[in-house]
Amino acid sequence: MDRPKLVPIKLDNYKPLREMVFESLREAIINGTLAPGERIMEIQLAEEMGVSRTPVREAIRKLELEGFLVMIPRKGAYVAGISLKDIADVFEVRASLESLAAGLAAERITEQELDELERYLVEISELCAGNDLNGIVEKDTQFHDVIYRASRNERLVQIVTHLQEQIHRFRTASLAQPGRTRDALEEHKQLVEAISERNVELAQKLARDHIENAENSMLNALREAKS
């Protein structure tokens, strides 16, 4: 079965064309349009996106550096697969970071940041009602960013930023599972309540549970794909 074609690039954005092409290809990998193991053909992708091969070639190099693509000698570029070890490694690190961030946020968060979290809960709830997965993923990312910022730990934020691309890829796959967006929203609500009550230990536990549930959802997605 042929995959869906990529959406042509729209020149209504302030970003450089090469950056827009890179983001478009990265999103196609994250959401599964470009599947693991699929060969990346410069000419085909350039035609689908309505651009020349140059920005596509530049995007491919950058995607390889970030681990989204692998280069096979004399064969070309392929979408990198996701192994169980990849998932375990990323979620193991993320569970510890999220737990630490939530505990610190419970101690250091401002009223303004608490208000931001509450607003994101409302927005995510509305997006869940409309089954807008892309919107949910975007707001989910921003929700967690507020908690990272509220930790007041710059080193923690830097480490999370370094992992952000892999986290985003796994977040999309996890939230795409039936019922996961609703469950995640409820987990978010409990986490915000614990943080607002300055309950450090509970915030840490809920954050870790949230990430472990996301990992289980991701593993279910892989099992279904293999079956």
Protein backbone atom coordinates (compact mmCIF):
# COMPACT_ATOMS: atom_id res chain seq x y z
CA MET A 1 0.00 0.00 0.00
CA ASP A 2 1.33 3.42 -0.95
CA ARG A 3 1.79 5.88 1.88
CA PRO A 4 -0.03 9.24 1.92
CA LYS A 5 1.84 11.98 0.09
CA LEU A 6 3.47 14.76 2.05
CA VAL A 7 1.74 18.13 2.18
CA PRO A 8 3.34 20.78 -0.07
CA ILE A 9 5.33 23.45 1.75
CA LYS A 10 3.43 26.72 2.17
CA LEU A 11 5.55 29.84 1.86
CA ASP A 12 3.55 31.78 4.45
CA ASN A 13 5.98 31.23 7.27
CA TYR A 14 8.82 33.44 8.50
CA LYS A 15 11.15 30.42 8.81
CA PRO A 16 13.80 29.61 6.17
CA LEU A 17 12.67 27.10 3.56
CA ARG A 18 15.26 24.51 4.63
CA GLU A 19 13.94 24.66 8.20
CA MET A 20 10.35 24.21 7.03
CA VAL A 21 11.34 21.20 4.92
CA PHE A 22 13.24 19.70 7.88
CA GLU A 23 10.27 20.17 10.23
CA SER A 24 7.86 18.73 7.67
CA LEU A 25 9.98 15.59 7.20
CA ARG A 26 10.56 15.22 10.93
CA GLU A 27 6.82 15.46 11.59
CA ALA A 28 6.16 12.87 8.86
CA ILE A 29 8.53 10.47 10.64
CA ILE A 30 7.07 11.20 14.07
CA ASN A 31 3.47 10.64 12.96
CA GLY A 32 4.34 7.55 10.93
CA THR A 33 3.69 8.90 7.42
CA LEU A 34 7.31 7.99 6.72
CA ALA A 35 7.49 4.59 8.39
CA PRO A 36 10.51 2.93 10.06
CA GLY A 37 12.62 1.19 7.44
CA GLU A 38 11.26 3.27 4.55
CA ARG A 39 13.83 4.50 2.04
CA ILE A 40 14.08 8.27 1.68
CA MET A 41 14.08 9.38 -1.98
CA GLU A 42 15.19 12.99 -2.48
CA ILE A 43 13.49 13.51 -5.83
CA GLN A 44 10.15 12.04 -4.71
CA LEU A 45 10.04 14.05 -1.48
CA ALA A 46 11.05 17.26 -3.28
CA GLU A 47 8.21 16.77 -5.78
CA GLU A 48 5.64 16.07 -3.06
CA MET A 49 6.63 19.16 -1.08
CA GLY A 50 7.03 21.37 -4.14
CA VAL A 51 10.65 22.31 -3.47
CA SER A 52 14.05 21.64 -5.02
CA ARG A 53 16.30 18.78 -3.91
CA THR A 54 18.71 21.11 -2.08
CA PRO A 55 16.60 21.81 1.06
CA VAL A 56 15.54 18.16 1.11
CA ARG A 57 19.19 17.07 1.01
CA GLU A 58 20.03 19.47 3.86
CA ALA A 59 17.08 18.21 5.89
CA ILE A 60 18.17 14.60 5.38
CA ARG A 61 21.63 15.38 6.75
CA LYS A 62 20.14 17.06 9.82
CA LEU A 63 17.65 14.23 10.40
CA GLU A 64 20.52 11.76 10.27
CA LEU A 65 22.41 13.74 12.92
CA GLU A 66 19.33 13.71 15.18
CA GLY A 67 18.85 9.97 14.78
CA PHE A 68 15.68 10.02 12.72
CA LEU A 69 17.42 8.60 9.64
CA VAL A 70 20.23 6.11 9.11
CA MET A 71 22.58 6.13 6.12
CA ILE A 72 23.41 2.75 4.58
CA PRO A 73 26.47 2.76 2.31
CA ARG A 74 25.64 2.44 -1.41
CA LYS A 75 21.93 2.24 -0.58
CA GLY A 76 20.91 5.63 0.81
CA ALA A 77 18.92 7.03 3.70
CA TYR A 78 16.26 5.09 5.60
CA VAL A 79 13.86 6.02 8.39
CA ALA A 80 15.38 4.78 11.64
CA GLY A 81 13.49 2.04 13.39
CA ILE A 82 12.40 2.13 17.04
CA SER A 83 13.69 -0.73 19.17
CA LEU A 84 12.45 -1.82 22.57
CA LYS A 85 15.86 -0.78 23.93
CA ASP A 86 15.39 2.74 22.50
CA ILE A 87 12.02 3.04 24.20
CA ALA A 88 13.25 1.65 27.51
CA ASP A 89 16.30 3.94 27.57
CA VAL A 90 14.39 7.14 26.77
CA PHE A 91 11.48 6.47 29.11
CA GLU A 92 13.82 5.41 31.93
CA VAL A 93 15.63 8.74 31.73
CA ARG A 94 12.43 10.71 31.19
CA ALA A 95 10.67 9.14 34.19
CA SER A 96 13.49 10.27 36.47
CA LEU A 97 13.62 13.76 34.95
CA GLU A 98 9.85 14.26 35.08
CA SER A 99 9.71 13.07 38.68
CA LEU A 100 12.52 15.42 39.66
CA ALA A 101 10.96 18.34 37.78
CA ALA A 102 7.52 17.77 39.33
CA GLY A 103 8.96 17.60 42.84
CA LEU A 104 10.96 20.80 42.36
CA ALA A 105 7.96 22.50 40.75
CA ALA A 106 5.85 21.64 43.80
CA GLU A 107 8.35 23.63 45.84
CA ARG A 108 9.07 26.50 43.44
CA ILE A 109 6.18 27.05 41.03
CA THR A 110 4.57 30.51 40.82
CA GLU A 111 0.86 31.27 40.83
CA GLN A 112 1.16 32.43 37.22
CA GLU A 113 2.67 29.10 36.19
CA LEU A 114 -0.06 27.22 38.03
CA ASP A 115 -2.58 29.25 36.08
CA GLU A 116 -0.79 28.28 32.84
CA LEU A 117 -1.08 24.60 33.74
CA GLU A 118 -4.78 24.96 34.49
CA ARG A 119 -5.34 26.68 31.14
CA TYR A 120 -3.54 23.90 29.30
CA LEU A 121 -5.80 21.35 31.02
CA VAL A 122 -8.84 23.16 29.63
CA GLU A 123 -7.34 23.43 26.14
CA ILE A 124 -6.30 19.76 26.08
CA SER A 125 -9.77 18.73 27.22
CA GLU A 126 -11.33 20.66 24.33
CA LEU A 127 -8.87 19.11 21.86
CA CYS A 128 -9.68 15.64 23.21
CA ALA A 129 -13.36 16.30 22.52
CA GLY A 130 -12.46 17.10 18.92
CA ASN A 131 -9.99 14.19 18.58
CA ASP A 132 -7.30 16.64 17.44
CA LEU A 133 -4.18 14.52 18.02
CA ASN A 134 -1.70 17.04 16.62
CA GLY A 135 -3.16 19.77 18.81
CA ILE A 136 -3.10 17.51 21.87
CA VAL A 137 0.56 16.62 21.31
CA GLU A 138 1.46 20.31 20.96
CA LYS A 139 -0.36 21.33 24.14
CA ASP A 140 0.92 18.29 26.02
CA THR A 141 4.47 19.36 25.15
CA GLN A 142 3.79 22.91 26.34
CA PHE A 143 2.20 21.61 29.55
CA HIS A 144 5.33 19.68 30.46
CA ASP A 145 7.52 22.62 29.45
CA VAL A 146 5.84 24.73 32.14
CA ILE A 147 6.72 22.11 34.77
CA TYR A 148 10.33 21.98 33.58
CA ARG A 149 10.53 25.78 33.79
CA ALA A 150 8.90 25.81 37.22
CA SER A 151 11.63 23.49 38.53
CA ARG A 152 14.02 26.47 38.37
CA ASN A 153 16.80 24.04 37.43
CA GLU A 154 18.55 25.12 34.23
CA ARG A 155 20.61 21.94 33.93
CA LEU A 156 17.47 19.82 34.06
CA VAL A 157 15.88 21.93 31.33
CA GLN A 158 18.98 21.57 29.15
CA ILE A 159 18.99 17.79 29.49
CA VAL A 160 15.28 17.57 28.63
CA THR A 161 15.80 19.83 25.63
CA HIS A 162 18.51 17.50 24.35
CA LEU A 163 16.05 14.58 24.50
CA GLN A 164 13.11 16.58 23.16
CA GLU A 165 13.05 15.15 19.62
CA GLN A 166 12.98 11.55 20.80
CA ILE A 167 10.44 12.40 23.50
CA HIS A 168 8.22 14.08 20.90
CA ARG A 169 8.38 11.06 18.59
CA PHE A 170 7.40 8.69 21.38
CA ARG A 171 4.77 11.09 22.79
CA THR A 172 2.90 11.12 19.48
CA ALA A 173 2.93 7.34 19.16
CA SER A 174 1.76 6.94 22.75
CA LEU A 175 -1.06 9.47 22.60
CA ALA A 176 -2.28 7.99 19.32
CA GLN A 177 -3.41 4.86 21.17
CA PRO A 178 -7.19 4.61 21.76
CA GLY A 179 -8.17 6.12 25.10
CA ARG A 180 -4.67 7.34 25.96
CA THR A 181 -5.43 11.06 25.52
CA ARG A 182 -8.25 10.88 28.08
CA ASP A 183 -6.15 8.90 30.53
CA ALA A 184 -3.23 11.32 30.12
CA LEU A 185 -5.53 14.28 30.74
CA GLU A 186 -6.74 12.76 34.01
CA GLU A 187 -3.13 12.07 35.03
CA HIS A 188 -2.28 15.70 34.24
CA LYS A 189 -5.13 16.93 36.44
CA GLN A 190 -3.96 14.85 39.40
CA LEU A 191 -0.39 16.08 38.88
CA VAL A 192 -1.42 19.74 38.80
CA GLU A 193 -3.43 19.25 41.99
CA ALA A 194 -0.43 17.73 43.77
CA ILE A 195 1.86 20.52 42.60
CA SER A 196 -0.62 23.21 43.61
CA GLU A 197 -0.88 21.64 47.09
CA ARG A 198 2.96 21.68 47.30
CA ASN A 199 2.94 17.94 47.87
CA VAL A 200 6.45 17.07 46.68
CA GLU A 201 6.36 13.29 47.19
CA LEU A 202 2.96 12.86 45.56
CA ALA A 203 3.94 15.07 42.61
CA GLN A 204 7.06 12.96 42.08
CA LYS A 205 5.08 9.71 42.20
CA LEU A 206 2.33 10.93 39.86
CA ALA A 207 4.87 12.24 37.34
CA ARG A 208 6.70 8.91 37.29
CA ASP A 209 3.44 6.96 36.99
CA HIS A 210 2.40 9.22 34.10
CA ILE A 211 5.57 8.45 32.16
CA GLU A 212 5.38 4.72 32.89
CA ASN A 213 1.79 4.69 31.59
CA ALA A 214 2.96 6.52 28.45
CA GLU A 215 5.68 3.89 27.96
CA ASN A 216 3.16 1.06 28.29
CA SER A 217 0.97 2.77 25.70
CA MET A 218 3.96 3.08 23.37
CA LEU A 219 4.80 -0.60 23.79
CA ASN A 220 1.20 -1.52 22.98
CA ALA A 221 1.49 0.54 19.81
CA LEU A 222 4.59 -1.42 18.78
CA ARG A 223 2.94 -4.76 19.50
CA GLU A 224 -0.06 -3.80 17.37
CA ALA A 225 2.18 -2.64 14.54
CA LYS A 226 4.07 -5.94 14.57
CA SER A 227 0.87 -7.99 14.63
